[in-house]
């Protein structure tokens, strides 16, 4: 792998890690992994966020290229853009999921 390709891959990884460093964005992405494509209304129903806060977090995820949108009539649907995000979140779920013992702090 040449240095330019490596820099691009590191930048992509840093973008994902920065996005999931926020608990709300991590939760949004987790729902998109487990539930698939979701409308803004459906996300709003399952998250304890105001509509404006949810919109701001979705805008960050969209700007970072982690989610894509699809509009049907007046409804906007969100889904993941790449499988790397799904794989990282699956690993996090394996490490910290409900059925795993929590690590000692």
PDB file of N, CA and C in Angstrom:
ATOM      1  N   UNK A   1       0.864  -1.170   0.000  1.00  0.00           N
ATOM      2  CA  UNK A   1       0.000   0.000   0.000  1.00  0.00           C
ATOM      3  C   UNK A   1       0.912   1.235   0.000  1.00  0.00           C
ATOM      4  N   UNK A   2       0.679   2.147  -0.929  1.00  0.00           N
ATOM      5  CA  UNK A   2       1.508   3.350  -0.967  1.00  0.00           C
ATOM      6  C   UNK A   2       1.049   4.360   0.085  1.00  0.00           C
ATOM      7  N   UNK A   3       1.865   5.364   0.316  1.00  0.00           N
ATOM      8  CA  UNK A   3       1.603   6.324   1.394  1.00  0.00           C
ATOM      9  C   UNK A   3       0.315   7.110   1.162  1.00  0.00           C
ATOM     10  N   UNK A   4      -0.004   7.450  -0.077  1.00  0.00           N
ATOM     11  CA  UNK A   4      -1.234   8.201  -0.369  1.00  0.00           C
ATOM     12  C   UNK A   4      -2.471   7.364  -0.049  1.00  0.00           C
ATOM     13  N   UNK A   5      -2.436   6.106  -0.418  1.00  0.00           N
ATOM     14  CA  UNK A   5      -3.553   5.208  -0.122  1.00  0.00           C
ATOM     15  C   UNK A   5      -3.692   5.017   1.379  1.00  0.00           C
ATOM     16  N   UNK A   6      -2.562   4.866   2.059  1.00  0.00           N
ATOM     17  CA  UNK A   6      -2.589   4.694   3.506  1.00  0.00           C
ATOM     18  C   UNK A   6      -3.168   5.932   4.190  1.00  0.00           C
ATOM     19  N   UNK A   7      -2.782   7.121   3.730  1.00  0.00           N
ATOM     20  CA  UNK A   7      -3.314   8.363   4.303  1.00  0.00           C
ATOM     21  C   UNK A   7      -4.824   8.448   4.108  1.00  0.00           C
ATOM     22  N   UNK A   8      -5.297   8.050   2.937  1.00  0.00           N
ATOM     23  CA  UNK A   8      -6.735   8.064   2.665  1.00  0.00           C
ATOM     24  C   UNK A   8      -7.467   7.105   3.597  1.00  0.00           C
ATOM     25  N   UNK A   9      -6.947   5.907   3.771  1.00  0.00           N
ATOM     26  CA  UNK A   9      -7.577   4.914   4.652  1.00  0.00           C
ATOM     27  C   UNK A   9      -7.580   5.391   6.103  1.00  0.00           C
ATOM     28  N   UNK A  10      -6.471   5.994   6.542  1.00  0.00           N
ATOM     29  CA  UNK A  10      -6.393   6.514   7.912  1.00  0.00           C
ATOM     30  C   UNK A  10      -7.393   7.648   8.101  1.00  0.00           C
ATOM     31  N   UNK A  11      -7.528   8.505   7.097  1.00  0.00           N
ATOM     32  CA  UNK A  11      -8.500   9.606   7.172  1.00  0.00           C
ATOM     33  C   UNK A  11      -9.925   9.059   7.277  1.00  0.00           C
ATOM     34  N   UNK A  12     -10.244   8.031   6.502  1.00  0.00           N
ATOM     35  CA  UNK A  12     -11.572   7.420   6.565  1.00  0.00           C
ATOM     36  C   UNK A  12     -11.824   6.803   7.936  1.00  0.00           C
ATOM     37  N   UNK A  13     -10.833   6.124   8.479  1.00  0.00           N
ATOM     38  CA  UNK A  13     -10.976   5.515   9.805  1.00  0.00           C
ATOM     39  C   UNK A  13     -11.155   6.591  10.867  1.00  0.00           C
ATOM     40  N   UNK A  14     -10.389   7.673  10.771  1.00  0.00           N
ATOM     41  CA  UNK A  14     -10.493   8.759  11.746  1.00  0.00           C
ATOM     42  C   UNK A  14     -11.865   9.419  11.686  1.00  0.00           C
ATOM     43  N   UNK A  15     -12.416   9.566  10.490  1.00  0.00           N
ATOM     44  CA  UNK A  15     -13.753  10.146  10.342  1.00  0.00           C
ATOM     45  C   UNK A  15     -14.789   9.280  11.040  1.00  0.00           C
ATOM     46  N   UNK A  16     -14.724   7.976  10.841  1.00  0.00           N
ATOM     47  CA  UNK A  16     -15.663   7.062  11.499  1.00  0.00           C
ATOM     48  C   UNK A  16     -15.489   7.107  13.011  1.00  0.00           C
ATOM     49  N   UNK A  17     -14.252   7.036  13.480  1.00  0.00           N
ATOM     50  CA  UNK A  17     -14.010   7.036  14.927  1.00  0.00           C
ATOM     51  C   UNK A  17     -14.453   8.344  15.568  1.00  0.00           C
ATOM     52  N   UNK A  18     -14.249   9.453  14.873  1.00  0.00           N
ATOM     53  CA  UNK A  18     -14.700  10.748  15.394  1.00  0.00           C
ATOM     54  C   UNK A  18     -16.227  10.770  15.495  1.00  0.00           C
ATOM     55  N   UNK A  19     -16.898  10.243  14.476  1.00  0.00           N
ATOM     56  CA  UNK A  19     -18.367  10.233  14.486  1.00  0.00           C
ATOM     57  C   UNK A  19     -18.904   9.376  15.621  1.00  0.00           C
ATOM     58  N   UNK A  20     -18.316   8.198  15.834  1.00  0.00           N
ATOM     59  CA  UNK A  20     -18.856   7.312  16.866  1.00  0.00           C
ATOM     60  C   UNK A  20     -18.352   7.661  18.260  1.00  0.00           C
ATOM     61  N   UNK A  21     -17.489   8.674  18.359  1.00  0.00           N
ATOM     62  CA  UNK A  21     -17.064   9.118  19.689  1.00  0.00           C
ATOM     63  C   UNK A  21     -18.182   9.870  20.399  1.00  0.00           C
ATOM     64  N   UNK A  22     -19.199  10.285  19.648  1.00  0.00           N
ATOM     65  CA  UNK A  22     -20.379  10.919  20.234  1.00  0.00           C
ATOM     66  C   UNK A  22     -21.426   9.833  20.477  1.00  0.00           C
ATOM     67  N   UNK A  23     -21.897   9.716  21.710  1.00  0.00           N
ATOM     68  CA  UNK A  23     -22.840   8.644  22.064  1.00  0.00           C
ATOM     69  C   UNK A  23     -24.105   8.668  21.222  1.00  0.00           C
ATOM     70  N   UNK A  24     -24.632   9.855  20.932  1.00  0.00           N
ATOM     71  CA  UNK A  24     -25.871   9.938  20.159  1.00  0.00           C
ATOM     72  C   UNK A  24     -25.664   9.470  18.722  1.00  0.00           C
ATOM     73  N   UNK A  25     -24.554   9.869  18.109  1.00  0.00           N
ATOM     74  CA  UNK A  25     -24.285   9.417  16.744  1.00  0.00           C
ATOM     75  C   UNK A  25     -24.012   7.915  16.714  1.00  0.00           C
ATOM     76  N   UNK A  26     -23.337   7.403  17.728  1.00  0.00           N
ATOM     77  CA  UNK A  26     -23.106   5.960  17.818  1.00  0.00           C
ATOM     78  C   UNK A  26     -24.438   5.220  17.902  1.00  0.00           C
ATOM     79  N   UNK A  27     -25.350   5.739  18.694  1.00  0.00           N
ATOM     80  CA  UNK A  27     -26.667   5.115  18.839  1.00  0.00           C
ATOM     81  C   UNK A  27     -27.460   5.173  17.530  1.00  0.00           C
ATOM     82  N   UNK A  28     -27.382   6.296  16.828  1.00  0.00           N
ATOM     83  CA  UNK A  28     -28.052   6.413  15.525  1.00  0.00           C
ATOM     84  C   UNK A  28     -27.514   5.351  14.572  1.00  0.00           C
ATOM     85  N   UNK A  29     -26.192   5.260  14.479  1.00  0.00           N
ATOM     86  CA  UNK A  29     -25.582   4.273  13.586  1.00  0.00           C
ATOM     87  C   UNK A  29     -25.929   2.851  14.003  1.00  0.00           C
ATOM     88  N   UNK A  30     -25.954   2.600  15.306  1.00  0.00           N
ATOM     89  CA  UNK A  30     -26.308   1.269  15.797  1.00  0.00           C
ATOM     90  C   UNK A  30     -27.728   0.891  15.349  1.00  0.00           C
ATOM     91  N   UNK A  31     -28.665   1.828  15.450  1.00  0.00           N
ATOM     92  CA  UNK A  31     -30.036   1.545  15.001  1.00  0.00           C
ATOM     93  C   UNK A  31     -30.078   1.289  13.499  1.00  0.00           C
ATOM     94  N   UNK A  32     -29.290   2.022  12.733  1.00  0.00           N
ATOM     95  CA  UNK A  32     -29.273   1.797  11.290  1.00  0.00           C
ATOM     96  C   UNK A  32     -28.660   0.446  10.941  1.00  0.00           C
ATOM     97  N   UNK A  33     -27.723  -0.024  11.756  1.00  0.00           N
ATOM     98  CA  UNK A  33     -27.146  -1.355  11.539  1.00  0.00           C
ATOM     99  C   UNK A  33     -28.169  -2.430  11.881  1.00  0.00           C
ATOM    100  N   UNK A  34     -28.814  -2.305  13.030  1.00  0.00           N
ATOM    101  CA  UNK A  34     -29.719  -3.364  13.492  1.00  0.00           C
ATOM    102  C   UNK A  34     -31.081  -3.334  12.804  1.00  0.00           C
ATOM    103  N   UNK A  35     -31.578  -2.130  12.495  1.00  0.00           N
ATOM    104  CA  UNK A  35     -32.918  -2.009  11.925  1.00  0.00           C
ATOM    105  C   UNK A  35     -32.921  -1.734  10.429  1.00  0.00           C
ATOM    106  N   UNK A  36     -31.769  -1.456   9.855  1.00  0.00           N
ATOM    107  CA  UNK A  36     -31.703  -1.119   8.432  1.00  0.00           C
ATOM    108  C   UNK A  36     -32.155   0.310   8.197  1.00  0.00           C
ATOM    109  N   UNK A  37     -32.582   0.585   6.985  1.00  0.00           N
ATOM    110  CA  UNK A  37     -33.018   1.932   6.620  1.00  0.00           C
ATOM    111  C   UNK A  37     -34.151   2.393   7.537  1.00  0.00           C
ATOM    112  N   UNK A  38     -34.037   3.632   8.020  1.00  0.00           N
ATOM    113  CA  UNK A  38     -35.060   4.176   8.924  1.00  0.00           C
ATOM    114  C   UNK A  38     -35.390   5.609   8.532  1.00  0.00           C
ATOM    115  N   UNK A  39     -36.645   5.974   8.727  1.00  0.00           N
ATOM    116  CA  UNK A  39     -37.051   7.359   8.498  1.00  0.00           C
ATOM    117  C   UNK A  39     -36.632   8.210   9.688  1.00  0.00           C
ATOM    118  N   UNK A  40     -36.598   9.515   9.474  1.00  0.00           N
ATOM    119  CA  UNK A  40     -36.275  10.430  10.565  1.00  0.00           C
ATOM    120  C   UNK A  40     -37.280  10.253  11.698  1.00  0.00           C
ATOM    121  N   UNK A  41     -38.544  10.084  11.356  1.00  0.00           N
ATOM    122  CA  UNK A  41     -39.578   9.893  12.375  1.00  0.00           C
ATOM    123  C   UNK A  41     -39.360   8.632  13.191  1.00  0.00           C
ATOM    124  N   UNK A  42     -38.974   7.544  12.519  1.00  0.00           N
ATOM    125  CA  UNK A  42     -38.713   6.288  13.232  1.00  0.00           C
ATOM    126  C   UNK A  42     -37.502   6.426  14.144  1.00  0.00           C
ATOM    127  N   UNK A  43     -36.457   7.092  13.665  1.00  0.00           N
ATOM    128  CA  UNK A  43     -35.287   7.335  14.518  1.00  0.00           C
ATOM    129  C   UNK A  43     -35.667   8.188  15.715  1.00  0.00           C
ATOM    130  N   UNK A  44     -36.476   9.192  15.472  1.00  0.00           N
ATOM    131  CA  UNK A  44     -36.911  10.083  16.554  1.00  0.00           C
ATOM    132  C   UNK A  44     -37.714   9.319  17.605  1.00  0.00           C
ATOM    133  N   UNK A  45     -38.486   8.321  17.169  1.00  0.00           N
ATOM    134  CA  UNK A  45     -39.289   7.519  18.099  1.00  0.00           C
ATOM    135  C   UNK A  45     -38.431   6.658  19.026  1.00  0.00           C
ATOM    136  N   UNK A  46     -37.291   6.161  18.527  1.00  0.00           N
ATOM    137  CA  UNK A  46     -36.476   5.248  19.333  1.00  0.00           C
ATOM    138  C   UNK A  46     -35.342   5.935  20.088  1.00  0.00           C
ATOM    139  N   UNK A  47     -35.083   7.194  19.773  1.00  0.00           N
ATOM    140  CA  UNK A  47     -33.995   7.919  20.431  1.00  0.00           C
ATOM    141  C   UNK A  47     -34.545   8.990  21.352  1.00  0.00           C
ATOM    142  N   UNK A  48     -33.861   9.227  22.426  1.00  0.00           N
ATOM    143  CA  UNK A  48     -34.263  10.260  23.380  1.00  0.00           C
ATOM    144  C   UNK A  48     -33.573  11.573  23.017  1.00  0.00           C
ATOM    145  N   UNK A  49     -33.917  12.096  21.830  1.00  0.00           N
ATOM    146  CA  UNK A  49     -33.332  13.339  21.328  1.00  0.00           C
ATOM    147  C   UNK A  49     -34.436  14.241  20.809  1.00  0.00           C
ATOM    148  N   UNK A  50     -34.204  15.529  20.892  1.00  0.00           N
ATOM    149  CA  UNK A  50     -35.139  16.457  20.265  1.00  0.00           C
ATOM    150  C   UNK A  50     -34.991  16.332  18.748  1.00  0.00           C
ATOM    151  N   UNK A  51     -36.003  16.765  18.028  1.00  0.00           N
ATOM    152  CA  UNK A  51     -35.970  16.711  16.560  1.00  0.00           C
ATOM    153  C   UNK A  51     -34.775  17.495  16.021  1.00  0.00           C
ATOM    154  N   UNK A  52     -34.500  18.661  16.606  1.00  0.00           N
ATOM    155  CA  UNK A  52     -33.387  19.479  16.109  1.00  0.00           C
ATOM    156  C   UNK A  52     -32.039  18.825  16.397  1.00  0.00           C
ATOM    157  N   UNK A  53     -31.877  18.222  17.580  1.00  0.00           N
ATOM    158  CA  UNK A  53     -30.619  17.540  17.903  1.00  0.00           C
ATOM    159  C   UNK A  53     -30.405  16.348  16.970  1.00  0.00           C
ATOM    160  N   UNK A  54     -31.467  15.582  16.719  1.00  0.00           N
ATOM    161  CA  UNK A  54     -31.371  14.447  15.809  1.00  0.00           C
ATOM    162  C   UNK A  54     -30.966  14.923  14.417  1.00  0.00           C
ATOM    163  N   UNK A  55     -31.586  15.985  13.940  1.00  0.00           N
ATOM    164  CA  UNK A  55     -31.261  16.521  12.618  1.00  0.00           C
ATOM    165  C   UNK A  55     -29.806  16.955  12.533  1.00  0.00           C
ATOM    166  N   UNK A  56     -29.296  17.570  13.595  1.00  0.00           N
ATOM    167  CA  UNK A  56     -27.896  18.003  13.601  1.00  0.00           C
ATOM    168  C   UNK A  56     -26.957  16.804  13.547  1.00  0.00           C
ATOM    169  N   UNK A  57     -27.248  15.770  14.319  1.00  0.00           N
ATOM    170  CA  UNK A  57     -26.400  14.575  14.302  1.00  0.00           C
ATOM    171  C   UNK A  57     -26.462  13.875  12.943  1.00  0.00           C
ATOM    172  N   UNK A  58     -27.646  13.791  12.357  1.00  0.00           N
ATOM    173  CA  UNK A  58     -27.773  13.178  11.039  1.00  0.00           C
ATOM    174  C   UNK A  58     -27.022  13.982   9.985  1.00  0.00           C
ATOM    175  N   UNK A  59     -27.027  15.304  10.116  1.00  0.00           N
ATOM    176  CA  UNK A  59     -26.287  16.156   9.176  1.00  0.00           C
ATOM    177  C   UNK A  59     -24.784  15.890   9.261  1.00  0.00           C
ATOM    178  N   UNK A  60     -24.270  15.706  10.469  1.00  0.00           N
ATOM    179  CA  UNK A  60     -22.844  15.386  10.647  1.00  0.00           C
ATOM    180  C   UNK A  60     -22.529  14.043   9.997  1.00  0.00           C
ATOM    181  N   UNK A  61     -23.359  13.048  10.251  1.00  0.00           N
ATOM    182  CA  UNK A  61     -23.138  11.718   9.677  1.00  0.00           C
ATOM    183  C   UNK A  61     -23.221  11.744   8.151  1.00  0.00           C
ATOM    184  N   UNK A  62     -24.132  12.549   7.620  1.00  0.00           N
ATOM    185  CA  UNK A  62     -24.269  12.677   6.169  1.00  0.00           C
ATOM    186  C   UNK A  62     -23.057  13.400   5.575  1.00  0.00           C
ATOM    187  N   UNK A  63     -22.617  14.480   6.238  1.00  0.00           N
ATOM    188  CA  UNK A  63     -21.449  15.241   5.776  1.00  0.00           C
ATOM    189  C   UNK A  63     -20.198  14.370   5.775  1.00  0.00           C
ATOM    190  N   UNK A  64     -20.070  13.519   6.774  1.00  0.00           N
ATOM    191  CA  UNK A  64     -18.917  12.625   6.882  1.00  0.00           C
ATOM    192  C   UNK A  64     -19.012  11.422   5.946  1.00  0.00           C
ATOM    193  N   UNK A  65     -20.132  11.283   5.238  1.00  0.00           N
ATOM    194  CA  UNK A  65     -20.287  10.199   4.280  1.00  0.00           C
ATOM    195  C   UNK A  65     -20.603   8.852   4.895  1.00  0.00           C
ATOM    196  N   UNK A  66     -21.094   8.853   6.134  1.00  0.00           N
ATOM    197  CA  UNK A  66     -21.398   7.593   6.817  1.00  0.00           C
ATOM    198  C   UNK A  66     -22.826   7.126   6.578  1.00  0.00           C
ATOM    199  N   UNK A  67     -23.723   8.056   6.275  1.00  0.00           N
ATOM    200  CA  UNK A  67     -25.108   7.707   5.965  1.00  0.00           C
ATOM    201  C   UNK A  67     -25.510   8.377   4.657  1.00  0.00           C
ATOM    202  N   UNK A  68     -26.502   7.784   4.029  1.00  0.00           N
ATOM    203  CA  UNK A  68     -27.077   8.368   2.819  1.00  0.00           C
ATOM    204  C   UNK A  68     -28.573   8.515   3.027  1.00  0.00           C
ATOM    205  N   UNK A  69     -29.193   9.348   2.204  1.00  0.00           N
ATOM    206  CA  UNK A  69     -30.623   9.599   2.339  1.00  0.00           C
ATOM    207  C   UNK A  69     -31.362   9.150   1.084  1.00  0.00           C
ATOM    208  N   UNK A  70     -32.623   8.871   1.306  1.00  0.00           N
ATOM    209  CA  UNK A  70     -33.556   8.576   0.225  1.00  0.00           C
ATOM    210  C   UNK A  70     -34.852   9.258   0.603  1.00  0.00           C
ATOM    211  N   UNK A  71     -35.393  10.040  -0.318  1.00  0.00           N
ATOM    212  CA  UNK A  71     -36.631  10.753  -0.024  1.00  0.00           C
ATOM    213  C   UNK A  71     -37.778  10.105  -0.792  1.00  0.00           C
ATOM    214  N   UNK A  72     -38.864   9.841  -0.050  1.00  0.00           N
ATOM    215  CA  UNK A  72     -40.077   9.305  -0.652  1.00  0.00           C
ATOM    216  C   UNK A  72     -41.214  10.192  -0.189  1.00  0.00           C
ATOM    217  N   UNK A  73     -41.804  10.920  -1.123  1.00  0.00           N
ATOM    218  CA  UNK A  73     -42.812  11.940  -0.802  1.00  0.00           C
ATOM    219  C   UNK A  73     -42.194  12.927   0.190  1.00  0.00           C
ATOM    220  N   UNK A  74     -42.777  13.078   1.372  1.00  0.00           N
ATOM    221  CA  UNK A  74     -42.250  14.015   2.367  1.00  0.00           C
ATOM    222  C   UNK A  74     -41.341  13.344   3.400  1.00  0.00           C
ATOM    223  N   UNK A  75     -41.129  12.042   3.276  1.00  0.00           N
ATOM    224  CA  UNK A  75     -40.365  11.295   4.272  1.00  0.00           C
ATOM    225  C   UNK A  75     -38.933  11.084   3.802  1.00  0.00           C
ATOM    226  N   UNK A  76     -37.975  11.358   4.705  1.00  0.00           N
ATOM    227  CA  UNK A  76     -36.558  11.141   4.418  1.00  0.00           C
ATOM    228  C   UNK A  76     -36.108   9.893   5.172  1.00  0.00           C
ATOM    229  N   UNK A  77     -35.488   8.974   4.448  1.00  0.00           N
ATOM    230  CA  UNK A  77     -34.981   7.728   5.020  1.00  0.00           C
ATOM    231  C   UNK A  77     -33.456   7.762   5.052  1.00  0.00           C
ATOM    232  N   UNK A  78     -32.885   7.212   6.115  1.00  0.00           N
ATOM    233  CA  UNK A  78     -31.432   7.152   6.272  1.00  0.00           C
ATOM    234  C   UNK A  78     -30.980   5.705   6.283  1.00  0.00           C
ATOM    235  N   UNK A  79     -29.806   5.474   5.706  1.00  0.00           N
ATOM    236  CA  UNK A  79     -29.177   4.151   5.741  1.00  0.00           C
ATOM    237  C   UNK A  79     -27.663   4.332   5.711  1.00  0.00           C
ATOM    238  N   UNK A  80     -26.950   3.260   6.031  1.00  0.00           N
ATOM    239  CA  UNK A  80     -25.489   3.303   6.028  1.00  0.00           C
ATOM    240  C   UNK A  80     -24.967   3.328   4.598  1.00  0.00           C
ATOM    241  N   UNK A  81     -23.798   3.951   4.420  1.00  0.00           N
ATOM    242  CA  UNK A  81     -23.217   4.026   3.081  1.00  0.00           C
ATOM    243  C   UNK A  81     -22.233   2.911   2.788  1.00  0.00           C
ATOM    244  N   UNK A  82     -21.605   2.348   3.817  1.00  0.00           N
ATOM    245  CA  UNK A  82     -20.588   1.325   3.535  1.00  0.00           C
ATOM    246  C   UNK A  82     -20.601   0.226   4.589  1.00  0.00           C
ATOM    247  N   UNK A  83     -20.051  -0.896   4.193  1.00  0.00           N
ATOM    248  CA  UNK A  83     -20.038  -2.062   5.069  1.00  0.00           C
ATOM    249  C   UNK A  83     -19.008  -1.936   6.190  1.00  0.00           C
ATOM    250  N   UNK A  84     -17.989  -1.087   6.011  1.00  0.00           N
ATOM    251  CA  UNK A  84     -16.988  -0.907   7.072  1.00  0.00           C
ATOM    252  C   UNK A  84     -17.635  -0.427   8.366  1.00  0.00           C
ATOM    253  N   UNK A  85     -18.570   0.504   8.254  1.00  0.00           N
ATOM    254  CA  UNK A  85     -19.262   1.015   9.435  1.00  0.00           C
ATOM    255  C   UNK A  85     -20.020  -0.110  10.124  1.00  0.00           C
ATOM    256  N   UNK A  86     -20.697  -0.911   9.343  1.00  0.00           N
ATOM    257  CA  UNK A  86     -21.457  -2.053   9.882  1.00  0.00           C
ATOM    258  C   UNK A  86     -20.520  -3.023  10.607  1.00  0.00           C
ATOM    259  N   UNK A  87     -19.361  -3.283  10.042  1.00  0.00           N
ATOM    260  CA  UNK A  87     -18.408  -4.210  10.657  1.00  0.00           C
ATOM    261  C   UNK A  87     -17.856  -3.668  11.970  1.00  0.00           C
ATOM    262  N   UNK A  88     -17.531  -2.374  12.004  1.00  0.00           N
ATOM    263  CA  UNK A  88     -17.014  -1.766  13.236  1.00  0.00           C
ATOM    264  C   UNK A  88     -18.076  -1.812  14.327  1.00  0.00           C
ATOM    265  N   UNK A  89     -19.311  -1.475  13.982  1.00  0.00           N
ATOM    266  CA  UNK A  89     -20.384  -1.483  14.977  1.00  0.00           C
ATOM    267  C   UNK A  89     -20.712  -2.904  15.435  1.00  0.00           C
ATOM    268  N   UNK A  90     -20.607  -3.869  14.542  1.00  0.00           N
ATOM    269  CA  UNK A  90     -20.815  -5.266  14.943  1.00  0.00           C
ATOM    270  C   UNK A  90     -19.750  -5.704  15.937  1.00  0.00           C
ATOM    271  N   UNK A  91     -18.510  -5.287  15.707  1.00  0.00           N
ATOM    272  CA  UNK A  91     -17.437  -5.604  16.648  1.00  0.00           C
ATOM    273  C   UNK A  91     -17.694  -4.951  18.004  1.00  0.00           C
ATOM    274  N   UNK A  92     -18.111  -3.690  18.000  1.00  0.00           N
ATOM    275  CA  UNK A  92     -18.425  -3.009  19.262  1.00  0.00           C
ATOM    276  C   UNK A  92     -19.555  -3.720  19.993  1.00  0.00           C
ATOM    277  N   UNK A  93     -20.553  -4.179  19.242  1.00  0.00           N
ATOM    278  CA  UNK A  93     -21.664  -4.897  19.868  1.00  0.00           C
ATOM    279  C   UNK A  93     -21.181  -6.214  20.474  1.00  0.00           C
ATOM    280  N   UNK A  94     -20.273  -6.897  19.790  1.00  0.00           N
ATOM    281  CA  UNK A  94     -19.717  -8.141  20.339  1.00  0.00           C
ATOM    282  C   UNK A  94     -18.964  -7.867  21.638  1.00  0.00           C
ATOM    283  N   UNK A  95     -18.242  -6.761  21.676  1.00  0.00           N
ATOM    284  CA  UNK A  95     -17.439  -6.433  22.856  1.00  0.00           C
ATOM    285  C   UNK A  95     -18.262  -5.870  24.006  1.00  0.00           C
ATOM    286  N   UNK A  96     -19.286  -5.070  23.688  1.00  0.00           N
ATOM    287  CA  UNK A  96     -20.026  -4.348  24.723  1.00  0.00           C
ATOM    288  C   UNK A  96     -21.518  -4.625  24.710  1.00  0.00           C
ATOM    289  N   UNK A  97     -21.974  -5.633  23.955  1.00  0.00           N
ATOM    290  CA  UNK A  97     -23.396  -5.924  23.828  1.00  0.00           C
ATOM    291  C   UNK A  97     -24.031  -6.355  25.134  1.00  0.00           C
ATOM    292  N   UNK A  98     -25.355  -6.438  25.122  1.00  0.00           N
ATOM    293  CA  UNK A  98     -26.145  -6.765  26.314  1.00  0.00           C
ATOM    294  C   UNK A  98     -25.755  -8.087  26.954  1.00  0.00           C
ATOM    295  N   UNK A  99     -25.421  -9.083  26.134  1.00  0.00           N
ATOM    296  CA  UNK A  99     -25.168 -10.404  26.692  1.00  0.00           C
ATOM    297  C   UNK A  99     -23.713 -10.624  27.107  1.00  0.00           C
ATOM    298  N   UNK A 100     -22.898  -9.599  27.006  1.00  0.00           N
ATOM    299  CA  UNK A 100     -21.503  -9.700  27.417  1.00  0.00           C
ATOM    300  C   UNK A 100     -21.319  -9.081  28.795  1.00  0.00           C
ATOM    301  N   UNK A 101     -20.413  -9.640  29.550  1.00  0.00           N
ATOM    302  CA  UNK A 101     -20.112  -9.080  30.867  1.00  0.00           C
ATOM    303  C   UNK A 101     -19.359  -7.772  30.664  1.00  0.00           C
ATOM    304  N   UNK A 102     -19.762  -6.735  31.387  1.00  0.00           N
ATOM    305  CA  UNK A 102     -19.120  -5.435  31.262  1.00  0.00           C
ATOM    306  C   UNK A 102     -17.711  -5.484  31.841  1.00  0.00           C
ATOM    307  N   UNK A 103     -16.744  -4.856  31.141  1.00  0.00           N
ATOM    308  CA  UNK A 103     -15.385  -4.849  31.668  1.00  0.00           C
ATOM    309  C   UNK A 103     -15.288  -4.021  32.940  1.00  0.00           C
ATOM    310  N   UNK A 104     -14.381  -4.416  33.830  1.00  0.00           N
ATOM    311  CA  UNK A 104     -14.163  -3.665  35.076  1.00  0.00           C
ATOM    312  C   UNK A 104     -13.516  -2.334  34.745  1.00  0.00           C
ATOM    313  N   UNK A 105     -13.915  -1.310  35.476  1.00  0.00           N
ATOM    314  CA  UNK A 105     -13.349   0.030  35.243  1.00  0.00           C
ATOM    315  C   UNK A 105     -12.276   0.328  36.244  1.00  0.00           C
TER     316      UNK A 105
END
